[in-house]
Amino acid sequence: MDMYRFDRNLHIVEQGQCDCNAALETFEHCYKNGCSFYDSGEDAYAATTFGLSRSQTDFIEISCNGHDSITVHSDRLCYPSQFKKLFTLKHSFYIKADKAKGAEIIREYFSMERQQFETKYAEFLSR
């Protein structure tokens, strides 16, 4: 699994390979940063957001926006059929969570195949 962060200009900065423990440590760090004040939205985003990826298309981004205000975003990759892929309006996952659920999502992203992950969080599909 690869990890990435963002700089003050919101460019992706690759962090290299990581395991689940390193991802959870980064999550904890971003969570603590989520309760701070920043001079700009860019500074806040860089301090409170990170991503995990298996490939260019298979990723999740975790943002810690304050106490018990965690969001997880990902694009949809697995569709039940080609027909649904062409005509569905729901192409992204947007999961709102608290700290415990955010950590659980990270652990599951490491342990599940993509299709299992998407099936579990299907209720969070959005436009």
N, C-alpha and C. Protein backbone atom coordinates (compact mmCIF):
# COMPACT_ATOMS: atom_id res chain seq x y z
N MET A 1 0.85 -1.17 0.00
CA MET A 1 0.00 0.00 0.00
C MET A 1 0.89 1.23 0.00
N ASP A 2 0.52 2.23 -0.78
CA ASP A 2 1.24 3.49 -0.81
C ASP A 2 0.46 4.56 -0.05
N MET A 3 1.19 5.50 0.52
CA MET A 3 0.58 6.62 1.22
C MET A 3 0.99 7.90 0.52
N TYR A 4 0.08 8.88 0.53
CA TYR A 4 0.41 10.20 0.02
C TYR A 4 -0.19 11.27 0.91
N ARG A 5 0.40 12.43 0.86
CA ARG A 5 -0.07 13.61 1.60
C ARG A 5 -0.19 14.74 0.59
N PHE A 6 -0.50 15.92 1.07
CA PHE A 6 -0.60 17.10 0.23
C PHE A 6 0.30 18.19 0.78
N ASP A 7 0.87 19.02 -0.10
CA ASP A 7 1.64 20.16 0.37
C ASP A 7 0.72 21.39 0.44
N ARG A 8 1.28 22.54 0.79
CA ARG A 8 0.49 23.77 0.95
C ARG A 8 -0.16 24.22 -0.36
N ASN A 9 0.38 23.77 -1.49
CA ASN A 9 -0.21 24.10 -2.79
C ASN A 9 -1.16 23.01 -3.28
N LEU A 10 -1.46 22.07 -2.40
CA LEU A 10 -2.36 20.96 -2.65
C LEU A 10 -1.86 20.01 -3.74
N HIS A 11 -0.54 19.95 -3.91
CA HIS A 11 0.06 18.96 -4.78
C HIS A 11 0.25 17.68 -3.98
N ILE A 12 0.08 16.56 -4.65
CA ILE A 12 0.29 15.27 -4.00
C ILE A 12 1.77 15.06 -3.75
N VAL A 13 2.09 14.63 -2.53
CA VAL A 13 3.46 14.31 -2.15
C VAL A 13 3.48 12.83 -1.74
N GLU A 14 4.11 12.01 -2.56
CA GLU A 14 4.19 10.58 -2.28
C GLU A 14 5.00 10.33 -1.01
N GLN A 15 4.49 9.46 -0.15
CA GLN A 15 5.15 9.12 1.10
C GLN A 15 5.78 7.73 1.04
N GLY A 16 5.53 6.99 -0.03
CA GLY A 16 6.08 5.65 -0.19
C GLY A 16 5.18 4.59 0.40
N GLN A 17 5.73 3.39 0.49
CA GLN A 17 5.00 2.24 1.00
C GLN A 17 4.71 2.40 2.49
N CYS A 18 3.57 1.86 2.91
CA CYS A 18 3.25 1.87 4.33
C CYS A 18 2.45 0.62 4.67
N ASP A 19 2.45 0.28 5.94
CA ASP A 19 1.61 -0.80 6.41
C ASP A 19 0.44 -0.20 7.20
N CYS A 20 -0.43 -1.03 7.70
CA CYS A 20 -1.61 -0.55 8.41
C CYS A 20 -1.23 0.27 9.63
N ASN A 21 -0.22 -0.16 10.37
CA ASN A 21 0.18 0.58 11.58
C ASN A 21 0.66 1.99 11.24
N ALA A 22 1.44 2.13 10.17
CA ALA A 22 1.90 3.46 9.76
C ALA A 22 0.72 4.33 9.32
N ALA A 23 -0.25 3.74 8.64
CA ALA A 23 -1.43 4.49 8.22
C ALA A 23 -2.24 4.95 9.44
N LEU A 24 -2.36 4.09 10.44
CA LEU A 24 -3.09 4.46 11.65
C LEU A 24 -2.35 5.54 12.44
N GLU A 25 -1.03 5.51 12.43
CA GLU A 25 -0.24 6.57 13.08
C GLU A 25 -0.46 7.91 12.37
N THR A 26 -0.46 7.88 11.05
CA THR A 26 -0.71 9.10 10.28
C THR A 26 -2.12 9.61 10.54
N PHE A 27 -3.07 8.70 10.62
CA PHE A 27 -4.45 9.06 10.94
C PHE A 27 -4.52 9.76 12.29
N GLU A 28 -3.84 9.22 13.28
CA GLU A 28 -3.82 9.82 14.62
C GLU A 28 -3.23 11.23 14.57
N HIS A 29 -2.15 11.39 13.83
CA HIS A 29 -1.49 12.69 13.67
C HIS A 29 -2.44 13.69 12.99
N CYS A 30 -3.09 13.27 11.92
CA CYS A 30 -4.03 14.16 11.22
C CYS A 30 -5.23 14.48 12.09
N TYR A 31 -5.68 13.51 12.88
CA TYR A 31 -6.81 13.73 13.78
C TYR A 31 -6.47 14.83 14.80
N LYS A 32 -5.29 14.75 15.38
CA LYS A 32 -4.86 15.79 16.33
C LYS A 32 -4.78 17.15 15.64
N ASN A 33 -4.29 17.17 14.40
CA ASN A 33 -4.21 18.42 13.65
C ASN A 33 -5.59 18.98 13.31
N GLY A 34 -6.59 18.11 13.23
CA GLY A 34 -7.95 18.54 12.88
C GLY A 34 -8.58 19.45 13.90
N CYS A 35 -8.05 19.50 15.09
CA CYS A 35 -8.60 20.36 16.15
C CYS A 35 -7.84 21.67 16.27
N SER A 36 -6.94 21.96 15.33
CA SER A 36 -6.15 23.19 15.35
C SER A 36 -6.76 24.22 14.40
N PHE A 37 -6.26 25.45 14.49
CA PHE A 37 -6.67 26.53 13.60
C PHE A 37 -5.54 26.78 12.61
N TYR A 38 -5.90 27.15 11.39
CA TYR A 38 -4.90 27.35 10.32
C TYR A 38 -5.16 28.69 9.64
N ASP A 39 -4.08 29.22 9.03
CA ASP A 39 -4.17 30.50 8.34
C ASP A 39 -4.93 30.40 7.02
N SER A 40 -4.93 29.22 6.43
CA SER A 40 -5.62 29.05 5.14
C SER A 40 -6.21 27.66 5.05
N GLY A 41 -7.16 27.51 4.15
CA GLY A 41 -7.75 26.21 3.89
C GLY A 41 -6.73 25.22 3.36
N GLU A 42 -5.79 25.73 2.56
CA GLU A 42 -4.75 24.86 2.01
C GLU A 42 -3.87 24.29 3.11
N ASP A 43 -3.50 25.14 4.07
CA ASP A 43 -2.69 24.68 5.19
C ASP A 43 -3.45 23.63 6.01
N ALA A 44 -4.73 23.88 6.24
CA ALA A 44 -5.55 22.94 7.00
C ALA A 44 -5.66 21.61 6.27
N TYR A 45 -5.90 21.65 4.97
CA TYR A 45 -6.04 20.42 4.19
C TYR A 45 -4.74 19.61 4.20
N ALA A 46 -3.62 20.29 4.04
CA ALA A 46 -2.32 19.62 4.05
C ALA A 46 -2.03 18.95 5.40
N ALA A 47 -2.49 19.57 6.48
CA ALA A 47 -2.20 19.05 7.82
C ALA A 47 -3.16 17.95 8.26
N THR A 48 -4.34 17.89 7.65
CA THR A 48 -5.38 17.00 8.17
C THR A 48 -5.82 15.90 7.21
N THR A 49 -5.19 15.81 6.04
CA THR A 49 -5.64 14.87 5.02
C THR A 49 -4.49 14.01 4.52
N PHE A 50 -4.78 12.74 4.28
CA PHE A 50 -3.81 11.84 3.65
C PHE A 50 -4.57 10.80 2.85
N GLY A 51 -3.86 10.12 1.99
CA GLY A 51 -4.48 9.09 1.17
C GLY A 51 -3.70 7.80 1.18
N LEU A 52 -4.41 6.73 0.90
CA LEU A 52 -3.83 5.41 0.75
C LEU A 52 -4.22 4.90 -0.63
N SER A 53 -3.28 4.28 -1.32
CA SER A 53 -3.61 3.79 -2.66
C SER A 53 -2.95 2.46 -2.95
N ARG A 54 -3.68 1.68 -3.72
CA ARG A 54 -3.16 0.41 -4.24
C ARG A 54 -2.73 0.59 -5.70
N SER A 55 -3.33 1.57 -6.37
CA SER A 55 -3.03 1.87 -7.77
C SER A 55 -3.48 3.29 -8.05
N GLN A 56 -3.33 3.72 -9.29
CA GLN A 56 -3.76 5.08 -9.67
C GLN A 56 -5.26 5.28 -9.48
N THR A 57 -6.03 4.20 -9.59
CA THR A 57 -7.49 4.33 -9.48
C THR A 57 -8.06 3.81 -8.17
N ASP A 58 -7.34 2.97 -7.45
CA ASP A 58 -7.84 2.37 -6.21
C ASP A 58 -7.22 3.10 -5.02
N PHE A 59 -8.00 3.99 -4.41
CA PHE A 59 -7.50 4.82 -3.32
C PHE A 59 -8.61 5.17 -2.35
N ILE A 60 -8.23 5.61 -1.17
CA ILE A 60 -9.14 6.30 -0.25
C ILE A 60 -8.39 7.53 0.27
N GLU A 61 -9.13 8.62 0.47
CA GLU A 61 -8.58 9.83 1.09
C GLU A 61 -9.31 10.08 2.39
N ILE A 62 -8.55 10.28 3.44
CA ILE A 62 -9.09 10.47 4.77
C ILE A 62 -8.82 11.90 5.21
N SER A 63 -9.87 12.62 5.61
CA SER A 63 -9.74 14.00 6.10
C SER A 63 -10.28 14.06 7.52
N CYS A 64 -9.50 14.66 8.40
CA CYS A 64 -9.89 14.83 9.80
C CYS A 64 -10.26 16.30 9.98
N ASN A 65 -11.55 16.57 10.03
CA ASN A 65 -12.05 17.94 9.99
C ASN A 65 -12.40 18.51 11.36
N GLY A 66 -12.11 17.78 12.41
CA GLY A 66 -12.41 18.24 13.75
C GLY A 66 -12.77 17.04 14.62
N HIS A 67 -13.14 17.32 15.85
CA HIS A 67 -13.48 16.26 16.79
C HIS A 67 -14.64 15.43 16.25
N ASP A 68 -14.41 14.15 16.05
CA ASP A 68 -15.41 13.20 15.54
C ASP A 68 -16.03 13.64 14.21
N SER A 69 -15.24 14.29 13.38
CA SER A 69 -15.68 14.69 12.06
C SER A 69 -14.65 14.22 11.04
N ILE A 70 -14.74 12.94 10.70
CA ILE A 70 -13.82 12.32 9.75
C ILE A 70 -14.59 12.06 8.46
N THR A 71 -13.97 12.34 7.33
CA THR A 71 -14.57 11.97 6.05
C THR A 71 -13.60 11.10 5.27
N VAL A 72 -14.17 10.12 4.59
CA VAL A 72 -13.40 9.22 3.74
C VAL A 72 -14.00 9.28 2.36
N HIS A 73 -13.17 9.55 1.36
CA HIS A 73 -13.63 9.66 -0.01
C HIS A 73 -12.91 8.63 -0.88
N SER A 74 -13.61 8.09 -1.85
CA SER A 74 -13.01 7.20 -2.83
C SER A 74 -13.90 7.16 -4.05
N ASP A 75 -13.32 6.88 -5.19
CA ASP A 75 -14.11 6.68 -6.40
C ASP A 75 -14.56 5.24 -6.48
N ARG A 76 -15.70 5.04 -7.08
CA ARG A 76 -16.23 3.68 -7.24
C ARG A 76 -15.49 2.97 -8.37
N LEU A 77 -15.10 1.73 -8.13
CA LEU A 77 -14.40 0.93 -9.14
C LEU A 77 -15.19 -0.30 -9.56
N CYS A 78 -15.97 -0.86 -8.65
CA CYS A 78 -16.67 -2.12 -8.91
C CYS A 78 -18.16 -1.85 -9.11
N TYR A 79 -18.69 -2.30 -10.24
CA TYR A 79 -20.10 -2.14 -10.56
C TYR A 79 -20.72 -3.52 -10.73
N PRO A 80 -22.00 -3.69 -10.36
CA PRO A 80 -22.64 -4.99 -10.50
C PRO A 80 -22.74 -5.46 -11.96
N SER A 81 -22.83 -4.50 -12.90
CA SER A 81 -22.93 -4.87 -14.31
C SER A 81 -22.44 -3.71 -15.17
N GLN A 82 -22.17 -3.98 -16.43
CA GLN A 82 -21.77 -2.92 -17.37
C GLN A 82 -22.91 -1.92 -17.55
N PHE A 83 -24.15 -2.42 -17.55
CA PHE A 83 -25.31 -1.55 -17.68
C PHE A 83 -25.33 -0.52 -16.55
N LYS A 84 -25.16 -0.99 -15.31
CA LYS A 84 -25.16 -0.07 -14.16
C LYS A 84 -23.98 0.88 -14.22
N LYS A 85 -22.85 0.41 -14.72
CA LYS A 85 -21.68 1.27 -14.82
C LYS A 85 -21.96 2.45 -15.75
N LEU A 86 -22.66 2.20 -16.85
CA LEU A 86 -22.96 3.26 -17.81
C LEU A 86 -24.03 4.23 -17.32
N PHE A 87 -25.00 3.74 -16.56
CA PHE A 87 -26.17 4.56 -16.27
C PHE A 87 -26.34 4.97 -14.80
N THR A 88 -25.42 4.59 -13.95
CA THR A 88 -25.57 4.96 -12.54
C THR A 88 -25.08 6.39 -12.32
N LEU A 89 -25.68 7.06 -11.38
CA LEU A 89 -25.26 8.41 -11.01
C LEU A 89 -24.33 8.40 -9.80
N LYS A 90 -24.20 7.25 -9.16
CA LYS A 90 -23.41 7.16 -7.93
C LYS A 90 -22.01 6.64 -8.27
N HIS A 91 -21.05 7.57 -8.31
CA HIS A 91 -19.70 7.22 -8.74
C HIS A 91 -18.64 7.39 -7.65
N SER A 92 -19.02 7.84 -6.48
CA SER A 92 -18.05 8.08 -5.40
C SER A 92 -18.61 7.62 -4.06
N PHE A 93 -17.68 7.31 -3.17
CA PHE A 93 -18.03 7.02 -1.79
C PHE A 93 -17.69 8.26 -0.97
N TYR A 94 -18.60 8.65 -0.11
CA TYR A 94 -18.36 9.76 0.80
C TYR A 94 -18.86 9.31 2.16
N ILE A 95 -17.93 8.88 3.00
CA ILE A 95 -18.28 8.30 4.29
C ILE A 95 -17.97 9.31 5.39
N LYS A 96 -18.98 9.64 6.18
CA LYS A 96 -18.78 10.49 7.36
C LYS A 96 -18.66 9.57 8.56
N ALA A 97 -17.65 9.84 9.39
CA ALA A 97 -17.37 8.92 10.49
C ALA A 97 -16.84 9.67 11.70
N ASP A 98 -16.80 8.95 12.82
CA ASP A 98 -16.09 9.45 13.99
C ASP A 98 -14.70 8.82 13.98
N LYS A 99 -13.91 9.10 14.99
CA LYS A 99 -12.53 8.63 15.03
C LYS A 99 -12.44 7.11 14.99
N ALA A 100 -13.25 6.43 15.78
CA ALA A 100 -13.21 4.96 15.83
C ALA A 100 -13.57 4.35 14.48
N LYS A 101 -14.60 4.89 13.84
CA LYS A 101 -15.01 4.37 12.53
C LYS A 101 -13.95 4.67 11.48
N GLY A 102 -13.31 5.83 11.56
CA GLY A 102 -12.24 6.16 10.62
C GLY A 102 -11.10 5.14 10.70
N ALA A 103 -10.70 4.78 11.91
CA ALA A 103 -9.65 3.77 12.09
C ALA A 103 -10.11 2.42 11.56
N GLU A 104 -11.36 2.08 11.78
CA GLU A 104 -11.91 0.81 11.28
C GLU A 104 -11.87 0.77 9.75
N ILE A 105 -12.24 1.86 9.12
CA ILE A 105 -12.23 1.93 7.65
C ILE A 105 -10.81 1.72 7.12
N ILE A 106 -9.84 2.34 7.76
CA ILE A 106 -8.45 2.17 7.33
C ILE A 106 -8.03 0.71 7.46
N ARG A 107 -8.33 0.07 8.58
CA ARG A 107 -7.98 -1.33 8.76
C ARG A 107 -8.66 -2.21 7.71
N GLU A 108 -9.91 -1.92 7.41
CA GLU A 108 -10.64 -2.71 6.41
C GLU A 108 -10.09 -2.48 5.01
N TYR A 109 -9.65 -1.28 4.71
CA TYR A 109 -9.07 -1.03 3.39
C TYR A 109 -7.81 -1.87 3.19
N PHE A 110 -7.07 -2.07 4.26
CA PHE A 110 -5.88 -2.91 4.18
C PHE A 110 -6.23 -4.40 4.07
N SER A 111 -7.30 -4.81 4.72
CA SER A 111 -7.59 -6.25 4.81
C SER A 111 -8.58 -6.78 3.77
N MET A 112 -9.34 -5.92 3.12
CA MET A 112 -10.37 -6.36 2.19
C MET A 112 -9.95 -6.17 0.74
N GLU A 113 -10.49 -7.03 -0.12
CA GLU A 113 -10.40 -6.80 -1.57
C GLU A 113 -11.29 -5.59 -1.88
N ARG A 114 -11.02 -4.93 -2.98
CA ARG A 114 -11.77 -3.70 -3.32
C ARG A 114 -13.27 -3.96 -3.42
N GLN A 115 -13.66 -5.06 -4.06
CA GLN A 115 -15.10 -5.33 -4.21
C GLN A 115 -15.77 -5.54 -2.86
N GLN A 116 -15.10 -6.22 -1.92
CA GLN A 116 -15.64 -6.40 -0.57
C GLN A 116 -15.80 -5.04 0.12
N PHE A 117 -14.79 -4.20 -0.01
CA PHE A 117 -14.82 -2.88 0.60
C PHE A 117 -16.01 -2.07 0.06
N GLU A 118 -16.18 -2.08 -1.25
CA GLU A 118 -17.28 -1.32 -1.85
C GLU A 118 -18.64 -1.89 -1.46
N THR A 119 -18.75 -3.19 -1.37
CA THR A 119 -20.01 -3.81 -0.96
C THR A 119 -20.36 -3.40 0.47
N LYS A 120 -19.37 -3.43 1.35
CA LYS A 120 -19.64 -3.06 2.74
C LYS A 120 -20.10 -1.62 2.87
N TYR A 121 -19.54 -0.72 2.07
CA TYR A 121 -19.86 0.70 2.20
C TYR A 121 -20.78 1.22 1.10
N ALA A 122 -21.55 0.33 0.48
CA ALA A 122 -22.43 0.70 -0.63
C ALA A 122 -23.45 1.78 -0.24
N GLU A 123 -23.85 1.81 1.01
CA GLU A 123 -24.84 2.81 1.45
C GLU A 123 -24.28 4.24 1.39
N PHE A 124 -22.97 4.37 1.27
CA PHE A 124 -22.33 5.69 1.23
C PHE A 124 -22.00 6.17 -0.18
N LEU A 125 -22.51 5.47 -1.18
CA LEU A 125 -22.30 5.92 -2.56
C LEU A 125 -23.04 7.23 -2.79
N SER A 126 -22.42 8.12 -3.53
CA SER A 126 -23.04 9.41 -3.83
C SER A 126 -22.63 9.86 -5.21
N ARG A 127 -23.17 10.96 -5.64
CA ARG A 127 -22.84 11.52 -6.96
C ARG A 127 -21.47 12.09 -6.98
